[in-house]
């Protein structure tokens, strides 16, 4: 992604998804992030396909994220003033 432009996001909405729904989805897709007792915020709406809404999970910053390279499955959230990592958003 050498020539990619930085993604700038305006106003985002945060959602808490019901644990039962996350459990249901994980039966069909092994990449569903567990909800941590409805404490994991999701960003979105990322995409709407017909009547289905897809949300992207928000992850706290971790040491291992520092080595991640930007790609199509996630992007880093960085405070531009302090250059500190705030977390990542995963699109799987």
N, C-alpha and C. Protein backbone atom coordinates (compact mmCIF):
# COMPACT_ATOMS: atom_id res chain seq x y z
N UNK A 1 0.82 -1.19 0.00
CA UNK A 1 0.00 0.00 0.00
C UNK A 1 0.87 1.25 0.00
N UNK A 2 1.95 1.22 -0.76
CA UNK A 2 2.87 2.34 -0.80
C UNK A 2 2.19 3.65 -1.20
N UNK A 3 1.37 3.60 -2.21
CA UNK A 3 0.78 4.81 -2.76
C UNK A 3 -0.60 5.12 -2.18
N UNK A 4 -0.97 4.46 -1.11
CA UNK A 4 -2.30 4.70 -0.56
C UNK A 4 -2.33 6.03 0.19
N UNK A 5 -3.50 6.63 0.20
CA UNK A 5 -3.70 7.87 0.92
C UNK A 5 -4.16 7.56 2.33
N UNK A 6 -3.84 8.42 3.27
CA UNK A 6 -4.30 8.24 4.64
C UNK A 6 -5.80 8.44 4.68
N UNK A 7 -6.47 7.60 5.43
CA UNK A 7 -7.91 7.69 5.56
C UNK A 7 -8.25 8.68 6.66
N UNK A 8 -9.05 9.66 6.32
CA UNK A 8 -9.51 10.62 7.32
C UNK A 8 -10.98 10.34 7.56
N UNK A 9 -11.33 10.23 8.81
CA UNK A 9 -12.71 9.92 9.16
C UNK A 9 -13.29 11.09 9.94
N UNK A 10 -14.49 11.46 9.58
CA UNK A 10 -15.19 12.50 10.30
C UNK A 10 -15.85 11.90 11.52
N UNK A 11 -17.12 12.17 11.67
CA UNK A 11 -17.88 11.69 12.82
C UNK A 11 -18.17 10.20 12.67
N UNK A 12 -17.88 9.44 13.71
CA UNK A 12 -18.17 8.01 13.75
C UNK A 12 -19.18 7.73 14.85
N UNK A 13 -19.93 6.68 14.65
CA UNK A 13 -20.83 6.21 15.70
C UNK A 13 -20.26 4.94 16.29
N UNK A 14 -20.43 4.77 17.59
CA UNK A 14 -20.02 3.57 18.28
C UNK A 14 -21.26 2.77 18.65
N UNK A 15 -21.17 1.44 18.53
CA UNK A 15 -22.29 0.57 18.82
C UNK A 15 -21.84 -0.55 19.74
N UNK A 16 -22.73 -1.00 20.59
CA UNK A 16 -22.50 -2.19 21.40
C UNK A 16 -23.43 -3.26 20.82
N UNK A 17 -22.86 -4.39 20.44
CA UNK A 17 -23.60 -5.46 19.79
C UNK A 17 -23.94 -6.52 20.83
N UNK A 18 -25.16 -7.03 20.79
CA UNK A 18 -25.62 -8.04 21.73
C UNK A 18 -24.75 -9.30 21.65
N UNK A 19 -24.35 -9.84 22.80
CA UNK A 19 -23.51 -11.04 22.86
C UNK A 19 -24.13 -12.23 22.13
N UNK A 20 -25.45 -12.37 22.22
CA UNK A 20 -26.12 -13.48 21.55
C UNK A 20 -25.93 -13.41 20.03
N UNK A 21 -25.96 -12.20 19.50
CA UNK A 21 -25.77 -12.04 18.06
C UNK A 21 -24.33 -12.37 17.66
N UNK A 22 -23.36 -11.95 18.46
CA UNK A 22 -21.96 -12.26 18.19
C UNK A 22 -21.74 -13.78 18.23
N UNK A 23 -22.34 -14.43 19.21
CA UNK A 23 -22.23 -15.88 19.33
C UNK A 23 -22.85 -16.56 18.10
N UNK A 24 -23.99 -16.08 17.66
CA UNK A 24 -24.64 -16.61 16.46
C UNK A 24 -23.74 -16.45 15.24
N UNK A 25 -23.18 -15.27 15.04
CA UNK A 25 -22.31 -15.02 13.88
C UNK A 25 -21.06 -15.90 13.89
N UNK A 26 -20.52 -16.14 15.08
CA UNK A 26 -19.28 -16.91 15.17
C UNK A 26 -19.47 -18.38 14.78
N UNK A 27 -20.71 -18.83 14.69
CA UNK A 27 -20.98 -20.18 14.18
C UNK A 27 -20.68 -20.28 12.68
N UNK A 28 -20.73 -19.14 11.99
CA UNK A 28 -20.57 -19.11 10.55
C UNK A 28 -19.23 -18.53 10.10
N UNK A 29 -18.57 -17.80 10.99
CA UNK A 29 -17.33 -17.14 10.61
C UNK A 29 -16.37 -17.15 11.79
N UNK A 30 -15.21 -17.78 11.62
CA UNK A 30 -14.26 -17.90 12.72
C UNK A 30 -13.55 -16.58 13.03
N UNK A 31 -13.73 -15.56 12.21
CA UNK A 31 -13.04 -14.28 12.41
C UNK A 31 -13.85 -13.26 13.21
N UNK A 32 -14.98 -13.66 13.72
CA UNK A 32 -15.80 -12.74 14.51
C UNK A 32 -15.11 -12.47 15.85
N UNK A 33 -14.91 -11.21 16.16
CA UNK A 33 -14.26 -10.83 17.43
C UNK A 33 -15.27 -10.97 18.57
N UNK A 34 -14.86 -11.68 19.62
CA UNK A 34 -15.76 -11.85 20.75
C UNK A 34 -16.01 -10.51 21.42
N UNK A 35 -17.15 -10.41 22.02
CA UNK A 35 -17.73 -9.15 22.46
C UNK A 35 -17.33 -8.73 23.87
N UNK A 36 -16.69 -9.59 24.61
CA UNK A 36 -16.25 -9.28 25.98
C UNK A 36 -17.41 -8.80 26.85
N UNK A 37 -18.48 -9.59 26.88
CA UNK A 37 -19.67 -9.26 27.68
C UNK A 37 -20.25 -7.88 27.33
N UNK A 38 -20.39 -7.67 26.04
CA UNK A 38 -20.96 -6.43 25.49
C UNK A 38 -20.15 -5.19 25.87
N UNK A 39 -18.83 -5.35 26.01
CA UNK A 39 -17.99 -4.20 26.35
C UNK A 39 -17.13 -3.75 25.18
N UNK A 40 -17.08 -4.54 24.09
CA UNK A 40 -16.28 -4.15 22.94
C UNK A 40 -17.11 -3.21 22.06
N UNK A 41 -16.64 -1.99 21.86
CA UNK A 41 -17.37 -1.10 20.95
C UNK A 41 -17.09 -1.46 19.49
N UNK A 42 -18.09 -1.30 18.67
CA UNK A 42 -17.94 -1.48 17.24
C UNK A 42 -18.13 -0.13 16.56
N UNK A 43 -17.43 0.05 15.46
CA UNK A 43 -17.51 1.29 14.69
C UNK A 43 -18.44 1.03 13.52
N UNK A 44 -19.25 1.97 13.18
CA UNK A 44 -20.00 1.69 11.97
C UNK A 44 -21.20 2.59 11.83
N UNK A 45 -21.88 2.41 10.86
CA UNK A 45 -22.09 1.29 9.96
C UNK A 45 -21.01 1.33 8.87
N UNK A 46 -20.32 0.21 8.67
CA UNK A 46 -19.28 0.14 7.66
C UNK A 46 -19.90 -0.07 6.30
N UNK A 47 -20.79 -1.02 6.21
CA UNK A 47 -21.42 -1.32 4.93
C UNK A 47 -22.80 -1.92 5.18
N UNK A 48 -23.73 -1.62 4.29
CA UNK A 48 -25.06 -2.21 4.34
C UNK A 48 -25.25 -3.00 3.06
N UNK A 49 -25.56 -4.30 3.20
CA UNK A 49 -25.85 -5.15 2.05
C UNK A 49 -27.28 -5.65 2.23
N UNK A 50 -28.15 -5.24 1.31
CA UNK A 50 -29.58 -5.49 1.43
C UNK A 50 -30.02 -5.00 2.80
N UNK A 51 -30.58 -5.86 3.65
CA UNK A 51 -31.01 -5.39 4.97
C UNK A 51 -30.00 -5.71 6.07
N UNK A 52 -28.80 -6.18 5.69
CA UNK A 52 -27.79 -6.58 6.67
C UNK A 52 -26.80 -5.44 6.92
N UNK A 53 -26.59 -5.16 8.21
CA UNK A 53 -25.64 -4.12 8.62
C UNK A 53 -24.36 -4.80 9.11
N UNK A 54 -23.22 -4.33 8.64
CA UNK A 54 -21.93 -4.89 9.05
C UNK A 54 -21.15 -3.84 9.82
N UNK A 55 -20.65 -4.24 10.99
CA UNK A 55 -19.90 -3.34 11.85
C UNK A 55 -18.46 -3.84 11.97
N UNK A 56 -17.55 -2.94 12.25
CA UNK A 56 -16.14 -3.31 12.42
C UNK A 56 -15.76 -3.17 13.90
N UNK A 57 -15.12 -4.19 14.47
CA UNK A 57 -14.75 -4.12 15.89
C UNK A 57 -13.55 -3.20 16.12
N UNK A 58 -13.59 -2.54 17.25
CA UNK A 58 -12.52 -1.66 17.69
C UNK A 58 -11.67 -2.42 18.70
N UNK A 59 -10.34 -2.38 18.54
CA UNK A 59 -9.42 -3.08 19.44
C UNK A 59 -8.51 -2.07 20.14
N UNK A 60 -8.24 -2.32 21.40
CA UNK A 60 -7.29 -1.50 22.16
C UNK A 60 -5.91 -1.65 21.56
N UNK A 61 -5.06 -0.62 21.72
CA UNK A 61 -3.70 -0.73 21.19
C UNK A 61 -2.91 -1.80 21.93
N UNK A 62 -2.16 -2.58 21.19
CA UNK A 62 -1.31 -3.63 21.76
C UNK A 62 0.09 -3.47 21.18
N UNK A 63 1.07 -3.95 21.88
CA UNK A 63 2.45 -3.86 21.43
C UNK A 63 2.62 -4.46 20.05
N UNK A 64 1.97 -5.62 19.79
CA UNK A 64 2.12 -6.29 18.50
C UNK A 64 1.59 -5.45 17.33
N UNK A 65 0.67 -4.52 17.59
CA UNK A 65 0.13 -3.68 16.52
C UNK A 65 1.18 -2.72 15.95
N UNK A 66 2.19 -2.40 16.73
CA UNK A 66 3.24 -1.48 16.25
C UNK A 66 3.96 -2.02 15.02
N UNK A 67 4.03 -3.34 14.90
CA UNK A 67 4.73 -3.94 13.76
C UNK A 67 3.81 -4.20 12.57
N UNK A 68 2.51 -4.03 12.75
CA UNK A 68 1.57 -4.28 11.67
C UNK A 68 1.72 -3.24 10.56
N UNK A 69 1.65 -3.69 9.34
CA UNK A 69 1.66 -2.80 8.18
C UNK A 69 0.21 -2.57 7.75
N UNK A 70 -0.09 -1.35 7.33
CA UNK A 70 -1.44 -1.06 6.86
C UNK A 70 -1.82 -1.98 5.71
N UNK A 71 -3.08 -2.45 5.74
CA UNK A 71 -3.59 -3.27 4.66
C UNK A 71 -5.10 -3.11 4.59
N UNK A 72 -5.76 -3.92 3.80
CA UNK A 72 -7.19 -3.77 3.60
C UNK A 72 -8.03 -4.33 4.73
N UNK A 73 -7.45 -5.09 5.67
CA UNK A 73 -8.24 -5.71 6.72
C UNK A 73 -8.29 -4.92 8.02
N UNK A 74 -7.47 -3.91 8.17
CA UNK A 74 -7.51 -3.09 9.38
C UNK A 74 -6.83 -1.75 9.12
N UNK A 75 -7.08 -0.80 9.99
CA UNK A 75 -6.25 0.40 10.00
C UNK A 75 -6.05 0.86 11.43
N UNK A 76 -4.91 1.52 11.62
CA UNK A 76 -4.53 2.00 12.95
C UNK A 76 -5.20 3.34 13.22
N UNK A 77 -5.54 3.56 14.48
CA UNK A 77 -6.05 4.84 14.92
C UNK A 77 -4.93 5.50 15.72
N UNK A 78 -4.48 6.65 15.26
CA UNK A 78 -3.33 7.33 15.87
C UNK A 78 -3.71 8.76 16.21
N UNK A 79 -3.29 9.20 17.39
CA UNK A 79 -3.45 10.60 17.77
C UNK A 79 -2.38 11.39 17.03
N UNK A 80 -2.77 12.24 16.10
CA UNK A 80 -1.81 12.98 15.27
C UNK A 80 -0.96 13.94 16.07
N UNK A 81 -1.49 14.49 17.14
CA UNK A 81 -0.72 15.46 17.94
C UNK A 81 0.39 14.78 18.73
N UNK A 82 0.05 13.65 19.37
CA UNK A 82 1.04 12.98 20.23
C UNK A 82 1.71 11.80 19.54
N UNK A 83 1.22 11.43 18.36
CA UNK A 83 1.71 10.27 17.61
C UNK A 83 1.56 8.96 18.39
N UNK A 84 0.63 8.95 19.34
CA UNK A 84 0.42 7.73 20.13
C UNK A 84 -0.68 6.87 19.49
N UNK A 85 -0.54 5.56 19.63
CA UNK A 85 -1.51 4.62 19.11
C UNK A 85 -2.74 4.59 20.01
N UNK A 86 -3.92 4.69 19.39
CA UNK A 86 -5.17 4.64 20.15
C UNK A 86 -5.88 3.30 19.99
N UNK A 87 -5.53 2.55 18.96
CA UNK A 87 -6.15 1.25 18.73
C UNK A 87 -6.15 0.91 17.25
N UNK A 88 -6.90 -0.14 16.89
CA UNK A 88 -7.07 -0.50 15.50
C UNK A 88 -8.53 -0.85 15.25
N UNK A 89 -8.95 -0.73 14.00
CA UNK A 89 -10.26 -1.18 13.56
C UNK A 89 -10.01 -2.29 12.55
N UNK A 90 -10.64 -3.44 12.77
CA UNK A 90 -10.45 -4.60 11.90
C UNK A 90 -11.64 -4.80 10.97
N UNK A 91 -11.35 -5.06 9.71
CA UNK A 91 -12.37 -5.37 8.71
C UNK A 91 -12.10 -6.79 8.21
N UNK A 92 -12.81 -7.75 8.75
CA UNK A 92 -12.64 -9.14 8.31
C UNK A 92 -13.94 -9.73 7.86
